[in-house]
PDB file of N, CA and C in Angstrom:
ATOM      1  N   MET A   1      62.871  52.002  -3.890  1.00  0.00           N
ATOM      2  CA  MET A   1      63.388  52.789  -4.623  1.00  0.00           C
ATOM      3  C   MET A   1      64.599  53.467  -4.014  1.00  0.00           C
ATOM      4  N   ILE A   2      65.925  53.408  -4.916  1.00  0.00           N
ATOM      5  CA  ILE A   2      67.107  53.928  -4.635  1.00  0.00           C
ATOM      6  C   ILE A   2      67.337  55.138  -5.357  1.00  0.00           C
ATOM      7  N   LEU A   3      67.861  56.091  -4.606  1.00  0.00           N
ATOM      8  CA  LEU A   3      68.104  57.515  -4.892  1.00  0.00           C
ATOM      9  C   LEU A   3      69.503  57.553  -5.277  1.00  0.00           C
ATOM     10  N   ASN A   4      69.761  58.040  -6.624  1.00  0.00           N
ATOM     11  CA  ASN A   4      71.196  58.067  -7.126  1.00  0.00           C
ATOM     12  C   ASN A   4      71.893  59.329  -6.747  1.00  0.00           C
ATOM     13  N   GLN A   5      70.960  60.446  -6.150  1.00  0.00           N
ATOM     14  CA  GLN A   5      71.482  61.846  -6.012  1.00  0.00           C
ATOM     15  C   GLN A   5      71.185  62.217  -4.445  1.00  0.00           C
ATOM     16  N   LYS A   6      71.934  62.851  -3.772  1.00  0.00           N
ATOM     17  CA  LYS A   6      71.358  63.431  -2.305  1.00  0.00           C
ATOM     18  C   LYS A   6      70.467  64.696  -2.495  1.00  0.00           C
ATOM     19  N   ALA A   7      69.364  64.689  -1.786  1.00  0.00           N
ATOM     20  CA  ALA A   7      68.217  65.659  -1.785  1.00  0.00           C
ATOM     21  C   ALA A   7      68.942  66.838  -1.128  1.00  0.00           C
ATOM     22  N   ALA A   8      68.408  68.223  -1.686  1.00  0.00           N
ATOM     23  CA  ALA A   8      69.210  69.387  -1.233  1.00  0.00           C
ATOM     24  C   ALA A   8      68.725  69.776   0.151  1.00  0.00           C
ATOM     25  N   VAL A   9      67.683  69.295   0.721  1.00  0.00           N
ATOM     26  CA  VAL A   9      67.061  69.641   1.664  1.00  0.00           C
ATOM     27  C   VAL A   9      67.877  68.636   2.966  1.00  0.00           C
ATOM     28  N   GLN A  10      68.294  69.614   4.003  1.00  0.00           N
ATOM     29  CA  GLN A  10      68.889  69.023   5.001  1.00  0.00           C
ATOM     30  C   GLN A  10      67.968  69.299   6.428  1.00  0.00           C
ATOM     31  N   THR A  11      68.207  68.597   7.596  1.00  0.00           N
ATOM     32  CA  THR A  11      67.444  68.748   8.480  1.00  0.00           C
ATOM     33  C   THR A  11      68.231  68.635   9.993  1.00  0.00           C
ATOM     34  N   ALA A  12      67.829  69.035  10.932  1.00  0.00           N
ATOM     35  CA  ALA A  12      68.574  68.920  12.210  1.00  0.00           C
ATOM     36  C   ALA A  12      67.646  68.500  13.364  1.00  0.00           C
ATOM     37  N   VAL A  13      68.083  67.942  14.623  1.00  0.00           N
ATOM     38  CA  VAL A  13      67.348  67.388  15.688  1.00  0.00           C
ATOM     39  C   VAL A  13      68.226  67.620  16.882  1.00  0.00           C
ATOM     40  N   VAL A  14      67.450  67.949  18.015  1.00  0.00           N
ATOM     41  CA  VAL A  14      68.170  67.869  19.288  1.00  0.00           C
ATOM     42  C   VAL A  14      67.194  67.225  20.310  1.00  0.00           C
ATOM     43  N   VAL A  15      67.603  66.091  20.804  1.00  0.00           N
ATOM     44  CA  VAL A  15      66.861  65.244  21.987  1.00  0.00           C
ATOM     45  C   VAL A  15      67.329  65.740  23.097  1.00  0.00           C
ATOM     46  N   VAL A  16      66.463  66.095  24.024  1.00  0.00           N
ATOM     47  CA  VAL A  16      66.750  66.543  25.304  1.00  0.00           C
ATOM     48  C   VAL A  16      65.952  65.740  26.495  1.00  0.00           C
ATOM     49  N   ASP A  17      66.675  65.312  27.253  1.00  0.00           N
ATOM     50  CA  ASP A  17      65.894  64.544  28.428  1.00  0.00           C
ATOM     51  C   ASP A  17      65.042  65.607  29.170  1.00  0.00           C
ATOM     52  N   PRO A  18      63.679  65.346  29.081  1.00  0.00           N
ATOM     53  CA  PRO A  18      62.853  66.409  30.067  1.00  0.00           C
ATOM     54  C   PRO A  18      63.079  66.576  31.491  1.00  0.00           C
ATOM     55  N   ARG A  19      63.624  65.246  32.140  1.00  0.00           N
ATOM     56  CA  ARG A  19      63.878  65.404  33.562  1.00  0.00           C
ATOM     57  C   ARG A  19      64.940  66.158  34.101  1.00  0.00           C
ATOM     58  N   ASN A  20      65.925  66.393  33.058  1.00  0.00           N
ATOM     59  CA  ASN A  20      67.080  66.878  33.686  1.00  0.00           C
ATOM     60  C   ASN A  20      67.736  68.035  32.718  1.00  0.00           C
ATOM     61  N   GLY A  21      67.327  68.020  31.355  1.00  0.00           N
ATOM     62  CA  GLY A  21      67.828  68.969  30.381  1.00  0.00           C
ATOM     63  C   GLY A  21      69.116  68.658  29.804  1.00  0.00           C
ATOM     64  N   HIS A  22      69.462  67.367  29.945  1.00  0.00           N
ATOM     65  CA  HIS A  22      70.608  66.785  29.206  1.00  0.00           C
ATOM     66  C   HIS A  22      70.347  66.533  27.816  1.00  0.00           C
ATOM     67  N   VAL A  23      71.418  66.921  26.879  1.00  0.00           N
ATOM     68  CA  VAL A  23      71.271  66.571  25.612  1.00  0.00           C
ATOM     69  C   VAL A  23      71.435  65.030  25.344  1.00  0.00           C
ATOM     70  N   LEU A  24      70.579  64.288  24.749  1.00  0.00           N
ATOM     71  CA  LEU A  24      70.792  62.763  24.620  1.00  0.00           C
ATOM     72  C   LEU A  24      71.319  62.670  23.266  1.00  0.00           C
ATOM     73  N   ALA A  25      71.033  63.423  22.181  1.00  0.00           N
ATOM     74  CA  ALA A  25      71.530  63.232  20.931  1.00  0.00           C
ATOM     75  C   ALA A  25      71.434  64.693  20.029  1.00  0.00           C
ATOM     76  N   MET A  26      72.227  64.975  19.196  1.00  0.00           N
ATOM     77  CA  MET A  26      72.054  65.931  17.964  1.00  0.00           C
ATOM     78  C   MET A  26      72.697  65.730  17.028  1.00  0.00           C
ATOM     79  N   ILE A  27      71.942  66.190  16.105  1.00  0.00           N
ATOM     80  CA  ILE A  27      72.199  66.078  14.640  1.00  0.00           C
ATOM     81  C   ILE A  27      72.008  67.198  13.981  1.00  0.00           C
ATOM     82  N   GLY A  28      73.102  67.819  13.147  1.00  0.00           N
ATOM     83  CA  GLY A  28      73.106  69.074  12.747  1.00  0.00           C
ATOM     84  C   GLY A  28      73.150  69.183  11.328  1.00  0.00           C
ATOM     85  N   GLY A  29      72.984  68.027  10.477  1.00  0.00           N
ATOM     86  CA  GLY A  29      73.072  67.900   9.079  1.00  0.00           C
ATOM     87  C   GLY A  29      73.421  66.743   8.636  1.00  0.00           C
ATOM     88  N   ARG A  30      73.430  66.304   7.347  1.00  0.00           N
ATOM     89  CA  ARG A  30      73.771  64.836   6.695  1.00  0.00           C
ATOM     90  C   ARG A  30      75.068  64.497   6.856  1.00  0.00           C
ATOM     91  N   ASP A  31      76.131  65.424   6.570  1.00  0.00           N
ATOM     92  CA  ASP A  31      77.495  64.873   6.563  1.00  0.00           C
ATOM     93  C   ASP A  31      78.434  65.941   6.910  1.00  0.00           C
ATOM     94  N   PHE A  32      79.041  65.933   8.007  1.00  0.00           N
ATOM     95  CA  PHE A  32      79.797  66.691   8.253  1.00  0.00           C
ATOM     96  C   PHE A  32      81.015  67.106   7.329  1.00  0.00           C
ATOM     97  N   GLU A  33      81.444  66.302   6.728  1.00  0.00           N
ATOM     98  CA  GLU A  33      82.671  66.585   5.577  1.00  0.00           C
ATOM     99  C   GLU A  33      81.990  67.436   4.684  1.00  0.00           C
ATOM    100  N   GLU A  34      80.951  67.106   4.315  1.00  0.00           N
ATOM    101  CA  GLU A  34      80.256  68.007   3.282  1.00  0.00           C
ATOM    102  C   GLU A  34      80.090  69.463   3.691  1.00  0.00           C
ATOM    103  N   SER A  35      79.539  69.535   4.932  1.00  0.00           N
ATOM    104  CA  SER A  35      79.001  70.862   5.611  1.00  0.00           C
ATOM    105  C   SER A  35      79.362  70.916   6.864  1.00  0.00           C
ATOM    106  N   LYS A  36      80.079  71.882   7.202  1.00  0.00           N
ATOM    107  CA  LYS A  36      80.537  72.037   8.586  1.00  0.00           C
ATOM    108  C   LYS A  36      79.573  72.827   9.599  1.00  0.00           C
ATOM    109  N   TYR A  37      78.458  73.271   8.757  1.00  0.00           N
ATOM    110  CA  TYR A  37      77.530  74.042   9.164  1.00  0.00           C
ATOM    111  C   TYR A  37      76.616  73.087  10.064  1.00  0.00           C
ATOM    112  N   ASN A  38      76.441  73.412  11.466  1.00  0.00           N
ATOM    113  CA  ASN A  38      75.493  72.540  12.253  1.00  0.00           C
ATOM    114  C   ASN A  38      74.244  73.354  12.480  1.00  0.00           C
ATOM    115  N   ARG A  39      73.234  72.756  11.576  1.00  0.00           N
ATOM    116  CA  ARG A  39      71.708  73.388  11.743  1.00  0.00           C
ATOM    117  C   ARG A  39      71.215  73.277  12.829  1.00  0.00           C
ATOM    118  N   ALA A  40      71.596  72.368  13.876  1.00  0.00           N
ATOM    119  CA  ALA A  40      70.937  72.089  15.070  1.00  0.00           C
ATOM    120  C   ALA A  40      71.294  73.496  16.171  1.00  0.00           C
ATOM    121  N   VAL A  41      72.501  73.894  15.902  1.00  0.00           N
ATOM    122  CA  VAL A  41      72.795  75.050  17.002  1.00  0.00           C
ATOM    123  C   VAL A  41      72.976  76.366  16.213  1.00  0.00           C
ATOM    124  N   GLN A  42      73.386  76.229  14.865  1.00  0.00           N
ATOM    125  CA  GLN A  42      73.938  77.665  14.339  1.00  0.00           C
ATOM    126  C   GLN A  42      72.591  78.224  13.379  1.00  0.00           C
ATOM    127  N   ALA A  43      71.710  77.536  13.100  1.00  0.00           N
ATOM    128  CA  ALA A  43      70.514  78.113  12.401  1.00  0.00           C
ATOM    129  C   ALA A  43      69.788  79.053  13.172  1.00  0.00           C
ATOM    130  N   LYS A  44      69.189  80.173  12.808  1.00  0.00           N
ATOM    131  CA  LYS A  44      68.418  81.077  13.556  1.00  0.00           C
ATOM    132  C   LYS A  44      67.050  80.724  13.073  1.00  0.00           C
ATOM    133  N   ARG A  45      66.131  80.372  13.900  1.00  0.00           N
ATOM    134  CA  ARG A  45      64.640  79.971  13.818  1.00  0.00           C
ATOM    135  C   ARG A  45      63.978  80.770  14.484  1.00  0.00           C
ATOM    136  N   GLN A  46      62.502  80.744  14.196  1.00  0.00           N
ATOM    137  CA  GLN A  46      61.531  81.574  15.156  1.00  0.00           C
ATOM    138  C   GLN A  46      61.136  80.417  15.947  1.00  0.00           C
ATOM    139  N   PRO A  47      60.914  80.698  17.199  1.00  0.00           N
ATOM    140  CA  PRO A  47      60.599  79.553  18.106  1.00  0.00           C
ATOM    141  C   PRO A  47      59.258  78.866  17.764  1.00  0.00           C
ATOM    142  N   GLY A  48      58.176  79.692  17.117  1.00  0.00           N
ATOM    143  CA  GLY A  48      56.993  78.732  16.535  1.00  0.00           C
ATOM    144  C   GLY A  48      56.240  78.152  17.792  1.00  0.00           C
ATOM    145  N   SER A  49      55.873  77.059  17.472  1.00  0.00           N
ATOM    146  CA  SER A  49      55.075  76.378  18.365  1.00  0.00           C
ATOM    147  C   SER A  49      55.796  75.838  19.665  1.00  0.00           C
ATOM    148  N   ALA A  50      57.106  75.975  19.581  1.00  0.00           N
ATOM    149  CA  ALA A  50      57.815  75.657  20.835  1.00  0.00           C
ATOM    150  C   ALA A  50      57.623  76.450  22.009  1.00  0.00           C
ATOM    151  N   PHE A  51      57.116  77.574  21.710  1.00  0.00           N
ATOM    152  CA  PHE A  51      56.850  78.706  22.547  1.00  0.00           C
ATOM    153  C   PHE A  51      55.410  78.505  23.159  1.00  0.00           C
ATOM    154  N   LYS A  52      54.590  77.986  22.291  1.00  0.00           N
ATOM    155  CA  LYS A  52      53.315  77.903  22.974  1.00  0.00           C
ATOM    156  C   LYS A  52      52.911  77.419  24.434  1.00  0.00           C
ATOM    157  N   PRO A  53      53.778  76.361  24.753  1.00  0.00           N
ATOM    158  CA  PRO A  53      53.282  75.887  26.320  1.00  0.00           C
ATOM    159  C   PRO A  53      53.711  77.021  27.184  1.00  0.00           C
ATOM    160  N   ILE A  54      54.870  77.887  27.082  1.00  0.00           N
ATOM    161  CA  ILE A  54      55.286  78.795  27.908  1.00  0.00           C
ATOM    162  C   ILE A  54      53.951  79.943  28.024  1.00  0.00           C
ATOM    163  N   VAL A  55      53.394  80.352  26.746  1.00  0.00           N
ATOM    164  CA  VAL A  55      52.323  81.291  26.875  1.00  0.00           C
ATOM    165  C   VAL A  55      51.128  80.688  27.688  1.00  0.00           C
ATOM    166  N   TYR A  56      50.801  79.480  27.381  1.00  0.00           N
ATOM    167  CA  TYR A  56      49.641  78.853  27.782  1.00  0.00           C
ATOM    168  C   TYR A  56      49.856  78.702  29.468  1.00  0.00           C
ATOM    169  N   THR A  57      50.861  78.169  29.816  1.00  0.00           N
ATOM    170  CA  THR A  57      51.054  78.067  31.314  1.00  0.00           C
ATOM    171  C   THR A  57      50.991  79.459  31.856  1.00  0.00           C
ATOM    172  N   ALA A  58      51.530  80.343  31.372  1.00  0.00           N
ATOM    173  CA  ALA A  58      51.313  81.832  31.915  1.00  0.00           C
ATOM    174  C   ALA A  58      49.967  82.208  31.988  1.00  0.00           C
ATOM    175  N   ALA A  59      49.041  81.859  30.966  1.00  0.00           N
ATOM    176  CA  ALA A  59      47.781  82.303  31.048  1.00  0.00           C
ATOM    177  C   ALA A  59      46.761  81.411  32.173  1.00  0.00           C
ATOM    178  N   VAL A  60      47.108  80.201  32.345  1.00  0.00           N
ATOM    179  CA  VAL A  60      46.633  79.370  33.185  1.00  0.00           C
ATOM    180  C   VAL A  60      47.155  79.832  34.750  1.00  0.00           C
ATOM    181  N   ASP A  61      48.275  80.103  34.853  1.00  0.00           N
ATOM    182  CA  ASP A  61      48.587  80.580  36.226  1.00  0.00           C
ATOM    183  C   ASP A  61      48.120  81.824  36.461  1.00  0.00           C
ATOM    184  N   ASN A  62      47.428  82.717  35.531  1.00  0.00           N
ATOM    185  CA  ASN A  62      46.823  84.056  35.833  1.00  0.00           C
ATOM    186  C   ASN A  62      45.280  83.698  35.829  1.00  0.00           C
ATOM    187  N   GLY A  63      44.929  82.643  35.934  1.00  0.00           N
ATOM    188  CA  GLY A  63      43.356  82.422  36.048  1.00  0.00           C
ATOM    189  C   GLY A  63      42.632  82.314  34.556  1.00  0.00           C
ATOM    190  N   LEU A  64      43.198  82.231  33.526  1.00  0.00           N
ATOM    191  CA  LEU A  64      42.479  81.958  32.312  1.00  0.00           C
ATOM    192  C   LEU A  64      42.462  80.664  31.991  1.00  0.00           C
ATOM    193  N   MET A  65      41.434  80.284  31.341  1.00  0.00           N
ATOM    194  CA  MET A  65      41.330  78.679  30.991  1.00  0.00           C
ATOM    195  C   MET A  65      41.488  78.461  29.464  1.00  0.00           C
ATOM    196  N   PRO A  66      42.167  77.450  28.806  1.00  0.00           N
ATOM    197  CA  PRO A  66      42.542  77.195  27.471  1.00  0.00           C
ATOM    198  C   PRO A  66      41.013  77.466  26.519  1.00  0.00           C
ATOM    199  N   CYS A  67      39.917  77.491  27.313  1.00  0.00           N
ATOM    200  CA  CYS A  67      38.882  77.525  26.226  1.00  0.00           C
ATOM    201  C   CYS A  67      38.529  79.095  26.428  1.00  0.00           C
ATOM    202  N   TYR A  68      39.066  79.980  27.049  1.00  0.00           N
ATOM    203  CA  TYR A  68      38.799  81.479  27.192  1.00  0.00           C
ATOM    204  C   TYR A  68      38.531  81.917  25.903  1.00  0.00           C
ATOM    205  N   GLU A  69      37.762  82.873  25.814  1.00  0.00           N
ATOM    206  CA  GLU A  69      37.401  83.482  24.555  1.00  0.00           C
ATOM    207  C   GLU A  69      37.212  85.114  24.945  1.00  0.00           C
ATOM    208  N   ASN A  70      37.663  86.046  24.007  1.00  0.00           N
ATOM    209  CA  ASN A  70      37.599  87.309  24.298  1.00  0.00           C
ATOM    210  C   ASN A  70      36.218  87.804  23.746  1.00  0.00           C
TER     211      ASN A  70
END
């Protein structure tokens, strides 16, 4: 199927090397000439699931297990 129109939705991605933190790739939108807004670094987002490993690590470091219930 060939689309004749561009979709209104755009996305962004940042690829980071976990060994050293170097940015390997960054895409901030579909077409820089169309929009200079870089969604990868300028968009304000809630951390969401990206923050969960930090919380779980703190819990395990303090003696809680992942299956812990109140």
